[in-house]
């Protein structure tokens, strides 16, 4: 990886050779922790390099096919080349974007939590809209999703946590962390007035057990309660839902998607470790930014993106200045251009 965290093929190839030499050494497993760290890094590097190798092979094969089509003048081959070229260009664009994802946990799955801001019914409806947007985005990318927690309220959803599983889930979705602002004529306002509503989005990586995140038993409070929902299988008759509060930081996580309290507690613990990891990382980044004189705060008055439905239609990211006039397209999950713009901006900085 380059110093800025962006994938660098030359440096990565060099590092890969170094790691392969280390894994061949007979004393590798004399230090199990170090050996596992080497193998994890090796796996990650191969995962970054191998797709580019495959792309080069595919490009060479397509080049040969082009020469054959020129020699034979075959329309069928030309049509086949056009289809293959589109796929190749799409894969190239995807790998170029992934090259910006050089963080240590960017390849990990992601916990995404959305909370309603002030505004009652209007805010809860906004959370529902954002949840649908992210689920549609994940579906388009063939990522799997699991709604770990969902607290319903009048008009929609008060808060929800979803696990996104797929390569680079966290790397992509960390671009969405912050305050999202909605401006529209409220369908809940009989006088058809324009309302401004906010929701907060938090993203944290699904970390493995080797990550150093200390959670002391005396620092947490565990509450159990009866799961709530729309009815049917999602509503339990026992107190199986679990809420964990981390007292030093005030972070609260909850899980109610399983009937078993044990399973819900296990999942809630995973989410807590993930949120704490991101919390401590954010603290570290804030200290560095303060030293550098770059003070950026996520607050209700400092939204990262605005979604305007009225009096005009526009979605604008205030960090990158990227915008789109097709609001409905964005709400249907077309947020990749916004994510890409953020990743390019953050990698250049």
Foldseek 3Di string as FASTA:
>chain_A
DDPLLFADQVVLVVVLVVLVVLLPDPCLCVPVVNNVVSVVSNVVSCVLHVLVVVLVVLVVVLVVLVVVCVVVVDPVSVVVSVVSVVVSVVSVVVSNLCSLRRDPQQFFKKKKKKAWDPDFLQSQLVSQLVVLQAVLQLVVVVWDKDWFDFDADHNHTRMTIMITHDTRNLVLCQLVFFKEKEWAQDPVDPVRDIDITIMGMDMFGQDDPVDDFDDDPVQKDKDFAWFDDPDDPQGDPDRQKIWMARNVVRDIFIGRRDNHNVVRVVVRVSVVSRVRVVVVVVVVVQVVCVVVVNHDDRDPVDGQWYAYPPPAGKIAGPVQRDMDRPSVVSSSHPCSVVSSSSSVVSSVD
